[in-house]
Amino acid sequence: MRAGDDLAGLIARALGADPLRDRDVVVVAQKIVSKAEGRVIALSSVEPSARARQMAEEAGRDPRVMELVLRESRSIVRFERGVLIAETHHGFVCANAGVDRSNAGAPDAVVLLPLDPDASAARLRAELGDRSGADVAVVVTDTFGRAWREGHVNVAIGVAGMLALKRYAGQFDPDGYELRVTEIALADEVAAAAELVMGKLDRCPVAVVRGLELPGSDETAQTYVRPKEKDLFR
């Protein structure tokens, strides 16, 4: 993938004789979205600031990468033992503000998150719909760690055409108990399920999830950004 590549056209051609259908969810890895949008940075073009150099020395990291992390961060949530947790400009809390050297396509380059992953998802949804005539949803994914558990999972950082949250508040369980706060992160669950066939090193950056009864919605991945006043960990 390179800047300006026709991502929707590549996906449509890869589907071949099995075109998209109404209600399909097209799950797309963030890396190819970022590459198509020109969000790959050559480290040779980065001049680290004094703060980036100091943090890199403390963490044993490349100061150029640290500089990009700082640029992509709204705030630093935690920096300890070489681990940097940042709040991105999108509001996501994740390691290194999503700046990643893996699968960058060049040995001395990094990939940044899309500037607006929800807009990327909406644009791709429209383009796929124009080509296929199908009413599909699109989820752009990235791999995040989890605060309370080891391991990483795919999550939705861009959503278009489907619910982000399925809300159960006000409904009753079989014993008559009224649910008060339960909200299931549907797009995150779709993202995690898709990773089972996409893999991290399998060079399969797109999956189609078919057969889910998902109501359409104008919700986006910003639905997942928890306000600071509700965040017990910051």
C-alpha atoms as a PDB file:
ATOM      1  CA  MET A   1       0.000   0.000   0.000  1.00  0.00           C
ATOM      2  CA  ARG A   2       1.185   3.479  -0.901  1.00  0.00           C
ATOM      3  CA  ALA A   3      -0.196   6.971  -0.489  1.00  0.00           C
ATOM      4  CA  GLY A   4      -3.070   7.568  -2.882  1.00  0.00           C
ATOM      5  CA  ASP A   5      -3.794   3.890  -3.568  1.00  0.00           C
ATOM      6  CA  ASP A   6      -7.451   3.081  -4.319  1.00  0.00           C
ATOM      7  CA  LEU A   7      -8.212   1.050  -1.206  1.00  0.00           C
ATOM      8  CA  ALA A   8     -11.884   0.491  -2.047  1.00  0.00           C
ATOM      9  CA  GLY A   9     -10.932  -0.725  -5.521  1.00  0.00           C
ATOM     10  CA  LEU A  10      -8.330  -3.115  -4.128  1.00  0.00           C
ATOM     11  CA  ILE A  11     -10.868  -4.563  -1.691  1.00  0.00           C
ATOM     12  CA  ALA A  12     -13.493  -4.924  -4.416  1.00  0.00           C
ATOM     13  CA  ARG A  13     -11.046  -6.755  -6.688  1.00  0.00           C
ATOM     14  CA  ALA A  14      -9.900  -9.042  -3.873  1.00  0.00           C
ATOM     15  CA  LEU A  15     -13.502 -10.125  -3.269  1.00  0.00           C
ATOM     16  CA  GLY A  16     -13.627 -11.525  -6.798  1.00  0.00           C
ATOM     17  CA  ALA A  17     -16.696 -13.638  -7.430  1.00  0.00           C
ATOM     18  CA  ASP A  18     -18.088 -13.137  -3.917  1.00  0.00           C
ATOM     19  CA  PRO A  19     -19.195  -9.492  -3.898  1.00  0.00           C
ATOM     20  CA  LEU A  20     -20.316  -7.562  -0.870  1.00  0.00           C
ATOM     21  CA  ARG A  21     -23.878  -7.973   0.340  1.00  0.00           C
ATOM     22  CA  ASP A  22     -26.214  -5.759   2.333  1.00  0.00           C
ATOM     23  CA  ARG A  23     -25.397  -5.825   6.067  1.00  0.00           C
ATOM     24  CA  ASP A  24     -21.818  -7.047   5.562  1.00  0.00           C
ATOM     25  CA  VAL A  25     -19.247  -5.449   7.839  1.00  0.00           C
ATOM     26  CA  VAL A  26     -15.931  -4.733   6.119  1.00  0.00           C
ATOM     27  CA  VAL A  27     -13.178  -4.769   8.737  1.00  0.00           C
ATOM     28  CA  VAL A  28      -9.999  -2.992   7.655  1.00  0.00           C
ATOM     29  CA  ALA A  29      -6.662  -2.859   9.441  1.00  0.00           C
ATOM     30  CA  GLN A  30      -5.559   0.652  10.303  1.00  0.00           C
ATOM     31  CA  LYS A  31      -2.152   0.133   8.691  1.00  0.00           C
ATOM     32  CA  ILE A  32      -3.459   0.002   5.135  1.00  0.00           C
ATOM     33  CA  VAL A  33      -5.787   2.930   5.746  1.00  0.00           C
ATOM     34  CA  SER A  34      -2.888   4.977   7.113  1.00  0.00           C
ATOM     35  CA  LYS A  35      -0.629   3.992   4.231  1.00  0.00           C
ATOM     36  CA  ALA A  36      -3.250   4.914   1.625  1.00  0.00           C
ATOM     37  CA  GLU A  37      -3.674   8.266   3.389  1.00  0.00           C
ATOM     38  CA  GLY A  38       0.057   9.006   3.452  1.00  0.00           C
ATOM     39  CA  ARG A  39       0.535   8.558   7.187  1.00  0.00           C
ATOM     40  CA  VAL A  40       3.921   6.820   6.863  1.00  0.00           C
ATOM     41  CA  ILE A  41       6.854   8.864   8.157  1.00  0.00           C
ATOM     42  CA  ALA A  42      10.529   8.324   7.331  1.00  0.00           C
ATOM     43  CA  LEU A  43      12.482   8.596  10.580  1.00  0.00           C
ATOM     44  CA  SER A  44      15.291  10.352   8.726  1.00  0.00           C
ATOM     45  CA  SER A  45      12.930  13.343   8.366  1.00  0.00           C
ATOM     46  CA  VAL A  46      12.304  13.659  12.116  1.00  0.00           C
ATOM     47  CA  GLU A  47      14.323  16.006  14.336  1.00  0.00           C
ATOM     48  CA  PRO A  48      13.753  15.041  17.976  1.00  0.00           C
ATOM     49  CA  SER A  49      13.116  17.728  20.551  1.00  0.00           C
ATOM     50  CA  ALA A  50      15.005  17.967  23.830  1.00  0.00           C
ATOM     51  CA  ARG A  51      12.068  16.366  25.635  1.00  0.00           C
ATOM     52  CA  ALA A  52      11.972  13.481  23.170  1.00  0.00           C
ATOM     53  CA  ARG A  53      15.721  12.907  23.598  1.00  0.00           C
ATOM     54  CA  GLN A  54      15.420  12.884  27.377  1.00  0.00           C
ATOM     55  CA  MET A  55      12.482  10.457  27.358  1.00  0.00           C
ATOM     56  CA  ALA A  56      14.201   8.234  24.789  1.00  0.00           C
ATOM     57  CA  GLU A  57      17.304   8.039  26.956  1.00  0.00           C
ATOM     58  CA  GLU A  58      15.229   7.059  29.991  1.00  0.00           C
ATOM     59  CA  ALA A  59      13.352   4.396  28.040  1.00  0.00           C
ATOM     60  CA  GLY A  60      16.131   3.129  25.770  1.00  0.00           C
ATOM     61  CA  ARG A  61      14.098   4.130  22.726  1.00  0.00           C
ATOM     62  CA  ASP A  62      14.764   5.849  19.404  1.00  0.00           C
ATOM     63  CA  PRO A  63      14.390   9.608  20.061  1.00  0.00           C
ATOM     64  CA  ARG A  64      12.879  10.121  16.603  1.00  0.00           C
ATOM     65  CA  VAL A  65      10.083   7.690  17.380  1.00  0.00           C
ATOM     66  CA  MET A  66       9.591   9.341  20.756  1.00  0.00           C
ATOM     67  CA  GLU A  67       9.279  12.705  19.032  1.00  0.00           C
ATOM     68  CA  LEU A  68       6.504  11.374  16.790  1.00  0.00           C
ATOM     69  CA  VAL A  69       4.724   9.910  19.816  1.00  0.00           C
ATOM     70  CA  LEU A  70       4.789  13.332  21.474  1.00  0.00           C
ATOM     71  CA  ARG A  71       3.457  14.994  18.325  1.00  0.00           C
ATOM     72  CA  GLU A  72       0.612  12.475  18.068  1.00  0.00           C
ATOM     73  CA  SER A  73      -0.343  12.849  21.749  1.00  0.00           C
ATOM     74  CA  ARG A  74      -2.858  15.141  23.347  1.00  0.00           C
ATOM     75  CA  SER A  75      -1.363  14.183  26.705  1.00  0.00           C
ATOM     76  CA  ILE A  76       0.963  11.623  28.289  1.00  0.00           C
ATOM     77  CA  VAL A  77      -1.036   9.436  30.658  1.00  0.00           C
ATOM     78  CA  ARG A  78       1.856   7.364  32.040  1.00  0.00           C
ATOM     79  CA  PHE A  79       5.544   7.012  31.326  1.00  0.00           C
ATOM     80  CA  GLU A  80       7.257   4.416  33.443  1.00  0.00           C
ATOM     81  CA  ARG A  81       9.754   1.560  32.987  1.00  0.00           C
ATOM     82  CA  GLY A  82      10.028   2.296  29.305  1.00  0.00           C
ATOM     83  CA  VAL A  83       6.270   2.069  28.735  1.00  0.00           C
ATOM     84  CA  LEU A  84       4.517   5.152  27.377  1.00  0.00           C
ATOM     85  CA  ILE A  85       0.722   5.371  27.527  1.00  0.00           C
ATOM     86  CA  ALA A  86      -0.666   8.382  25.707  1.00  0.00           C
ATOM     87  CA  GLU A  87      -3.983   9.987  24.915  1.00  0.00           C
ATOM     88  CA  THR A  88      -4.072  10.589  21.182  1.00  0.00           C
ATOM     89  CA  HIS A  89      -5.605  13.638  19.549  1.00  0.00           C
ATOM     90  CA  HIS A  90      -8.605  11.409  18.795  1.00  0.00           C
ATOM     91  CA  GLY A  91      -9.066  10.736  22.531  1.00  0.00           C
ATOM     92  CA  PHE A  92      -7.886   7.107  22.442  1.00  0.00           C
ATOM     93  CA  VAL A  93      -5.677   5.959  25.320  1.00  0.00           C
ATOM     94  CA  CYS A  94      -3.067   3.514  24.054  1.00  0.00           C
ATOM     95  CA  ALA A  95       0.620   2.694  23.963  1.00  0.00           C
ATOM     96  CA  ASN A  96       2.849   5.116  22.038  1.00  0.00           C
ATOM     97  CA  ALA A  97      -0.124   7.100  20.673  1.00  0.00           C
ATOM     98  CA  GLY A  98      -0.506   4.413  18.002  1.00  0.00           C
ATOM     99  CA  VAL A  99       2.912   5.137  16.450  1.00  0.00           C
ATOM    100  CA  ASP A 100       4.171   1.775  15.166  1.00  0.00           C
ATOM    101  CA  ARG A 101       7.217   0.502  13.303  1.00  0.00           C
ATOM    102  CA  SER A 102       5.757  -2.936  12.501  1.00  0.00           C
ATOM    103  CA  ASN A 103       4.483  -3.553   8.962  1.00  0.00           C
ATOM    104  CA  ALA A 104       5.610  -0.078   7.963  1.00  0.00           C
ATOM    105  CA  GLY A 105       6.832  -1.174   4.547  1.00  0.00           C
ATOM    106  CA  ALA A 106      10.337   0.253   5.073  1.00  0.00           C
ATOM    107  CA  PRO A 107      13.064  -0.439   7.652  1.00  0.00           C
ATOM    108  CA  ASP A 108      13.414   3.177   8.794  1.00  0.00           C
ATOM    109  CA  ALA A 109       9.774   4.288   8.840  1.00  0.00           C
ATOM    110  CA  VAL A 110       6.787   4.351  11.187  1.00  0.00           C
ATOM    111  CA  VAL A 111       3.046   4.384  10.607  1.00  0.00           C
ATOM    112  CA  LEU A 112       0.797   6.893  12.360  1.00  0.00           C
ATOM    113  CA  LEU A 113      -2.916   6.531  13.005  1.00  0.00           C
ATOM    114  CA  PRO A 114      -5.250   8.130  10.443  1.00  0.00           C
ATOM    115  CA  LEU A 115      -5.988  11.765  11.185  1.00  0.00           C
ATOM    116  CA  ASP A 116      -9.701  10.951  11.469  1.00  0.00           C
ATOM    117  CA  PRO A 117     -10.399   7.192  11.487  1.00  0.00           C
ATOM    118  CA  ASP A 118     -14.168   7.702  11.580  1.00  0.00           C
ATOM    119  CA  ALA A 119     -13.995   9.859   8.467  1.00  0.00           C
ATOM    120  CA  SER A 120     -11.785   7.191   6.863  1.00  0.00           C
ATOM    121  CA  ALA A 121     -14.400   4.535   7.665  1.00  0.00           C
ATOM    122  CA  ALA A 122     -17.243   6.693   6.327  1.00  0.00           C
ATOM    123  CA  ARG A 123     -15.368   7.475   3.113  1.00  0.00           C
ATOM    124  CA  LEU A 124     -14.491   3.817   2.528  1.00  0.00           C
ATOM    125  CA  ARG A 125     -18.074   2.784   3.242  1.00  0.00           C
ATOM    126  CA  ALA A 126     -19.367   5.226   0.631  1.00  0.00           C
ATOM    127  CA  GLU A 127     -16.825   4.108  -1.964  1.00  0.00           C
ATOM    128  CA  LEU A 128     -17.524   0.412  -1.386  1.00  0.00           C
ATOM    129  CA  GLY A 129     -21.238   1.081  -1.579  1.00  0.00           C
ATOM    130  CA  ASP A 130     -20.832   2.896  -4.894  1.00  0.00           C
ATOM    131  CA  ARG A 131     -18.868  -0.014  -6.354  1.00  0.00           C
ATOM    132  CA  SER A 132     -20.988  -2.876  -5.012  1.00  0.00           C
ATOM    133  CA  GLY A 133     -24.440  -1.356  -4.621  1.00  0.00           C
ATOM    134  CA  ALA A 134     -24.533  -2.950  -1.179  1.00  0.00           C
ATOM    135  CA  ASP A 135     -25.320  -1.213   2.108  1.00  0.00           C
ATOM    136  CA  VAL A 136     -22.313  -2.194   4.200  1.00  0.00           C
ATOM    137  CA  ALA A 137     -20.701  -1.057   7.435  1.00  0.00           C
ATOM    138  CA  VAL A 138     -16.980  -0.408   7.830  1.00  0.00           C
ATOM    139  CA  VAL A 139     -14.803  -0.831  10.913  1.00  0.00           C
ATOM    140  CA  VAL A 140     -11.197   0.390  10.978  1.00  0.00           C
ATOM    141  CA  THR A 141      -9.185  -1.522  13.565  1.00  0.00           C
ATOM    142  CA  ASP A 142      -5.994  -1.266  15.559  1.00  0.00           C
ATOM    143  CA  THR A 143      -4.475  -3.518  18.202  1.00  0.00           C
ATOM    144  CA  PHE A 144      -4.617  -2.181  21.763  1.00  0.00           C
ATOM    145  CA  GLY A 145      -3.503  -3.538  25.104  1.00  0.00           C
ATOM    146  CA  ARG A 146      -5.951  -3.838  27.984  1.00  0.00           C
ATOM    147  CA  ALA A 147      -5.709  -2.165  31.360  1.00  0.00           C
ATOM    148  CA  TRP A 148      -6.680  -5.175  33.450  1.00  0.00           C
ATOM    149  CA  ARG A 149      -5.554  -8.124  31.353  1.00  0.00           C
ATOM    150  CA  GLU A 150      -2.472  -9.374  29.542  1.00  0.00           C
ATOM    151  CA  GLY A 151      -2.545  -9.658  25.762  1.00  0.00           C
ATOM    152  CA  HIS A 152      -3.762  -7.450  22.956  1.00  0.00           C
ATOM    153  CA  VAL A 153      -7.015  -7.358  21.011  1.00  0.00           C
ATOM    154  CA  ASN A 154      -8.245  -5.661  17.869  1.00  0.00           C
ATOM    155  CA  VAL A 155     -10.515  -2.720  18.630  1.00  0.00           C
ATOM    156  CA  ALA A 156     -12.488  -0.299  16.492  1.00  0.00           C
ATOM    157  CA  ILE A 157     -10.873   3.104  16.009  1.00  0.00           C
ATOM    158  CA  GLY A 158     -13.156   4.037  13.104  1.00  0.00           C
ATOM    159  CA  VAL A 159     -16.814   3.052  12.666  1.00  0.00           C
ATOM    160  CA  ALA A 160     -19.358   3.800   9.947  1.00  0.00           C
ATOM    161  CA  GLY A 161     -22.767   2.278   9.341  1.00  0.00           C
ATOM    162  CA  MET A 162     -23.252   0.224  12.516  1.00  0.00           C
ATOM    163  CA  LEU A 163     -23.833   0.627  16.218  1.00  0.00           C
ATOM    164  CA  ALA A 164     -20.772   1.134  18.363  1.00  0.00           C
ATOM    165  CA  LEU A 165     -22.589   0.257  21.584  1.00  0.00           C
ATOM    166  CA  LYS A 166     -25.530  -2.076  22.150  1.00  0.00           C
ATOM    167  CA  ARG A 167     -27.309  -0.681  25.205  1.00  0.00           C
ATOM    168  CA  TYR A 168     -29.230  -2.891  27.628  1.00  0.00           C
ATOM    169  CA  ALA A 169     -30.096  -0.303  30.277  1.00  0.00           C
ATOM    170  CA  GLY A 170     -33.791  -0.487  31.110  1.00  0.00           C
ATOM    171  CA  GLN A 171     -34.191  -4.077  29.890  1.00  0.00           C
ATOM    172  CA  PHE A 172     -34.848  -7.010  32.211  1.00  0.00           C
ATOM    173  CA  ASP A 173     -32.977 -10.289  32.610  1.00  0.00           C
ATOM    174  CA  PRO A 174     -34.923 -13.624  32.840  1.00  0.00           C
ATOM    175  CA  ASP A 175     -35.191 -13.204  36.627  1.00  0.00           C
ATOM    176  CA  GLY A 176     -36.766  -9.778  36.327  1.00  0.00           C
ATOM    177  CA  TYR A 177     -33.669  -7.780  37.301  1.00  0.00           C
ATOM    178  CA  GLU A 178     -33.500  -4.453  35.510  1.00  0.00           C
ATOM    179  CA  LEU A 179     -30.167  -3.826  33.810  1.00  0.00           C
ATOM    180  CA  ARG A 180     -28.839  -0.374  34.578  1.00  0.00           C
ATOM    181  CA  VAL A 181     -25.466   0.221  32.931  1.00  0.00           C
ATOM    182  CA  THR A 182     -24.683  -2.692  30.601  1.00  0.00           C
ATOM    183  CA  GLU A 183     -23.407  -1.583  27.185  1.00  0.00           C
ATOM    184  CA  ILE A 184     -21.771  -4.078  24.818  1.00  0.00           C
ATOM    185  CA  ALA A 185     -19.059  -2.702  22.540  1.00  0.00           C
ATOM    186  CA  LEU A 186     -20.364  -4.210  19.292  1.00  0.00           C
ATOM    187  CA  ALA A 187     -17.840  -2.708  16.884  1.00  0.00           C
ATOM    188  CA  ASP A 188     -14.982  -3.742  19.180  1.00  0.00           C
ATOM    189  CA  GLU A 189     -16.349  -7.298  19.236  1.00  0.00           C
ATOM    190  CA  VAL A 190     -16.553  -7.333  15.439  1.00  0.00           C
ATOM    191  CA  ALA A 191     -12.972  -6.045  15.272  1.00  0.00           C
ATOM    192  CA  ALA A 192     -11.734  -8.725  17.667  1.00  0.00           C
ATOM    193  CA  ALA A 193     -13.550 -11.501  15.800  1.00  0.00           C
ATOM    194  CA  ALA A 194     -12.152 -10.353  12.451  1.00  0.00           C
ATOM    195  CA  GLU A 195      -8.585 -10.533  13.792  1.00  0.00           C
ATOM    196  CA  LEU A 196      -8.979 -14.310  14.087  1.00  0.00           C
ATOM    197  CA  VAL A 197      -8.822 -14.548  10.290  1.00  0.00           C
ATOM    198  CA  MET A 198      -6.705 -11.462   9.599  1.00  0.00           C
ATOM    199  CA  GLY A 199      -3.781 -12.323  11.862  1.00  0.00           C
ATOM    200  CA  LYS A 200      -0.921 -10.015  12.809  1.00  0.00           C
ATOM    201  CA  LEU A 201       1.674 -11.346  10.346  1.00  0.00           C
ATOM    202  CA  ASP A 202      -0.517 -13.044   7.740  1.00  0.00           C
ATOM    203  CA  ARG A 203      -0.700 -10.088   5.319  1.00  0.00           C
ATOM    204  CA  CYS A 204      -4.502 -10.243   5.367  1.00  0.00           C
ATOM    205  CA  PRO A 205      -5.549  -6.676   6.242  1.00  0.00           C
ATOM    206  CA  VAL A 206      -9.269  -6.958   5.403  1.00  0.00           C
ATOM    207  CA  ALA A 207     -12.028  -9.298   6.554  1.00  0.00           C
ATOM    208  CA  VAL A 208     -15.738  -9.419   5.816  1.00  0.00           C
ATOM    209  CA  VAL A 209     -18.033 -10.265   8.718  1.00  0.00           C
ATOM    210  CA  ARG A 210     -21.289 -11.620   7.341  1.00  0.00           C
ATOM    211  CA  GLY A 211     -24.554 -12.738   8.917  1.00  0.00           C
ATOM    212  CA  LEU A 212     -24.758 -10.429  11.913  1.00  0.00           C
ATOM    213  CA  GLU A 213     -28.077  -8.746  12.578  1.00  0.00           C
ATOM    214  CA  LEU A 214     -26.677  -5.298  13.258  1.00  0.00           C
ATOM    215  CA  PRO A 215     -28.921  -2.243  13.098  1.00  0.00           C
ATOM    216  CA  GLY A 216     -27.579   0.651  11.092  1.00  0.00           C
ATOM    217  CA  SER A 217     -26.438   3.698  13.011  1.00  0.00           C
ATOM    218  CA  ASP A 218     -24.576   6.976  12.694  1.00  0.00           C
ATOM    219  CA  GLU A 219     -22.476   6.223  15.783  1.00  0.00           C
ATOM    220  CA  THR A 220     -18.716   6.416  15.423  1.00  0.00           C
ATOM    221  CA  ALA A 221     -15.705   5.186  17.353  1.00  0.00           C
ATOM    222  CA  GLN A 222     -15.796   8.452  19.301  1.00  0.00           C
ATOM    223  CA  THR A 223     -18.636   6.765  21.203  1.00  0.00           C
ATOM    224  CA  TYR A 224     -15.930   4.721  22.936  1.00  0.00           C
ATOM    225  CA  VAL A 225     -13.963   7.690  24.237  1.00  0.00           C
ATOM    226  CA  ARG A 226     -14.688   7.846  27.955  1.00  0.00           C
ATOM    227  CA  PRO A 227     -14.977  11.365  29.413  1.00  0.00           C
ATOM    228  CA  LYS A 228     -12.291  12.122  31.968  1.00  0.00           C
ATOM    229  CA  GLU A 229     -14.873  12.744  34.685  1.00  0.00           C
ATOM    230  CA  LYS A 230     -15.926   9.076  34.313  1.00  0.00           C
ATOM    231  CA  ASP A 231     -12.399   7.726  34.115  1.00  0.00           C
ATOM    232  CA  LEU A 232     -11.327   6.317  37.503  1.00  0.00           C
ATOM    233  CA  PHE A 233      -7.763   5.707  36.322  1.00  0.00           C
ATOM    234  CA  ARG A 234      -6.729   9.236  35.368  1.00  0.00           C
END
